[in-house]
Protein backbone atom coordinates (compact mmCIF):
# COMPACT_ATOMS: atom_id res chain seq x y z
CA MET A 1 -58.11 54.24 7.61
CA MET A 2 -57.92 50.58 6.65
CA ALA A 3 -54.47 49.13 6.10
CA GLY A 4 -55.46 46.87 3.23
CA MET A 5 -58.33 45.00 1.67
CA THR A 6 -59.57 42.03 3.65
CA ASP A 7 -61.17 38.95 2.11
CA ASP A 8 -64.58 40.33 3.17
CA ASP A 9 -63.83 43.62 1.41
CA ARG A 10 -62.98 41.80 -1.83
CA VAL A 11 -66.18 39.75 -1.67
CA PHE A 12 -68.36 42.79 -0.93
CA LYS A 13 -66.67 44.74 -3.75
CA ALA A 14 -67.19 41.84 -6.15
CA LEU A 15 -70.86 41.46 -5.16
CA ALA A 16 -71.53 45.20 -5.40
CA ASP A 17 -71.57 45.10 -9.20
CA PRO A 18 -74.73 43.87 -11.00
CA THR A 19 -72.73 42.40 -13.92
CA ARG A 20 -70.65 40.32 -11.52
CA ARG A 21 -73.78 39.13 -9.71
CA PHE A 22 -75.22 38.17 -13.12
CA LEU A 23 -72.07 36.13 -13.89
CA LEU A 24 -72.33 34.37 -10.53
CA ASP A 25 -76.00 33.56 -11.22
CA ARG A 26 -75.07 32.06 -14.60
CA LEU A 27 -72.40 29.89 -12.98
CA PHE A 28 -74.83 28.89 -10.23
CA GLU A 29 -77.26 27.69 -12.92
CA ARG A 30 -74.57 25.76 -14.76
CA ASP A 31 -70.97 25.55 -13.61
CA GLY A 32 -67.88 25.21 -15.79
CA ARG A 33 -68.64 27.79 -18.48
CA THR A 34 -66.12 29.28 -20.88
CA LEU A 35 -65.56 33.01 -21.32
CA THR A 36 -67.29 32.76 -24.72
CA GLU A 37 -70.41 31.24 -23.12
CA LEU A 38 -70.53 33.88 -20.38
CA GLU A 39 -69.81 36.72 -22.80
CA ALA A 40 -72.66 35.64 -25.12
CA GLU A 41 -75.22 36.59 -22.45
CA LEU A 42 -73.85 40.10 -21.85
CA GLU A 43 -73.92 43.30 -23.88
CA MET A 44 -70.25 43.86 -23.19
CA THR A 45 -66.85 43.39 -24.78
CA ARG A 46 -64.87 40.23 -24.15
CA PHE A 47 -62.28 42.36 -22.34
CA GLY A 48 -65.00 43.82 -20.08
CA VAL A 49 -66.24 40.35 -19.11
CA MET A 50 -62.62 39.24 -18.47
CA LYS A 51 -62.13 42.19 -16.08
CA HIS A 52 -65.28 41.24 -14.13
CA LEU A 53 -64.20 37.59 -13.96
CA ARG A 54 -60.78 38.69 -12.66
CA VAL A 55 -62.42 40.62 -9.79
CA LEU A 56 -64.54 37.55 -8.98
CA GLU A 57 -61.42 35.34 -9.05
CA GLU A 58 -59.51 37.74 -6.77
CA ALA A 59 -62.41 37.56 -4.30
CA GLY A 60 -62.29 33.76 -4.50
CA LEU A 61 -65.85 33.60 -5.85
CA VAL A 62 -64.83 32.10 -9.19
CA VAL A 63 -62.16 29.50 -9.88
CA ALA A 64 -60.84 29.02 -13.42
CA ARG A 65 -59.44 25.69 -14.62
CA ARG A 66 -57.95 24.68 -17.92
CA SER A 67 -59.59 21.81 -19.73
CA GLY A 68 -57.59 21.17 -22.89
CA ARG A 69 -57.56 24.47 -24.76
CA ALA A 70 -60.59 25.83 -22.92
CA LYS A 71 -60.56 27.76 -19.66
CA LEU A 72 -63.62 26.87 -17.60
CA HIS A 73 -65.05 29.05 -14.83
CA PHE A 74 -66.56 27.54 -11.70
CA LEU A 75 -68.50 29.12 -8.85
CA ASN A 76 -66.94 28.89 -5.39
CA PRO A 77 -69.77 29.57 -2.92
CA VAL A 78 -67.55 29.39 0.20
CA PRO A 79 -66.76 33.16 0.44
CA ILE A 80 -70.48 34.00 0.17
CA ARG A 81 -71.24 31.46 2.90
CA LEU A 82 -68.59 33.02 5.14
CA ILE A 83 -70.09 36.49 4.53
CA HIS A 84 -73.52 35.06 5.34
CA ASP A 85 -72.31 33.49 8.58
CA ARG A 86 -70.32 36.57 9.64
CA TRP A 87 -72.61 39.41 8.54
CA ILE A 88 -76.14 38.13 8.00
CA ASP A 89 -76.88 35.07 10.11
CA LYS A 90 -76.01 36.61 13.46
CA TYR A 91 -78.26 39.63 12.85
CA THR A 92 -81.23 37.62 11.63
CA GLU A 93 -80.93 35.23 14.58
CA ARG A 94 -81.35 38.07 17.09
CA ARG A 95 -84.32 39.47 15.19
CA VAL A 96 -86.00 36.08 14.93
CA SER A 97 -85.58 35.33 18.63
CA ALA A 98 -86.89 38.83 19.51
CA LEU A 99 -89.98 38.23 17.36
CA ALA A 100 -90.53 34.81 18.96
CA GLU A 101 -90.33 36.39 22.44
CA LEU A 102 -92.77 39.14 21.40
CA LYS A 103 -95.21 36.53 20.07
CA THR A 104 -95.02 34.61 23.38
CA GLU A 105 -95.57 37.80 25.40
CA LEU A 106 -98.57 38.83 23.30
CA GLU A 107 -100.12 35.37 23.56
CA GLU A 108 -99.67 35.44 27.36
CA GLU A 109 -101.36 38.87 27.57
CA MET A 110 -104.31 37.63 25.51
CA ALA A 111 -104.76 34.44 27.59
């Protein structure tokens, strides 16, 4: 049993939801959006969007900053990069090198 949620757990949990991935995509396209702008693109209550943004903030994927009376939301890609480096890159590297070795072996057999 896990003692508590790690940063990786929070990021995976945040990314598991399609609405949250949609919000991240919107911020990737154009950063610094207000809740009203983000909410306009979703068939969901303002409160529902706020809950999703909170999960993204807790995972460190979104950072909110005040600008006058507005609260702007910005994408923080660092946690996704860390997940990529820790969980994806190392596995693809092994597969790629194995495929390269197989290609070399097959070419040697055919020569």
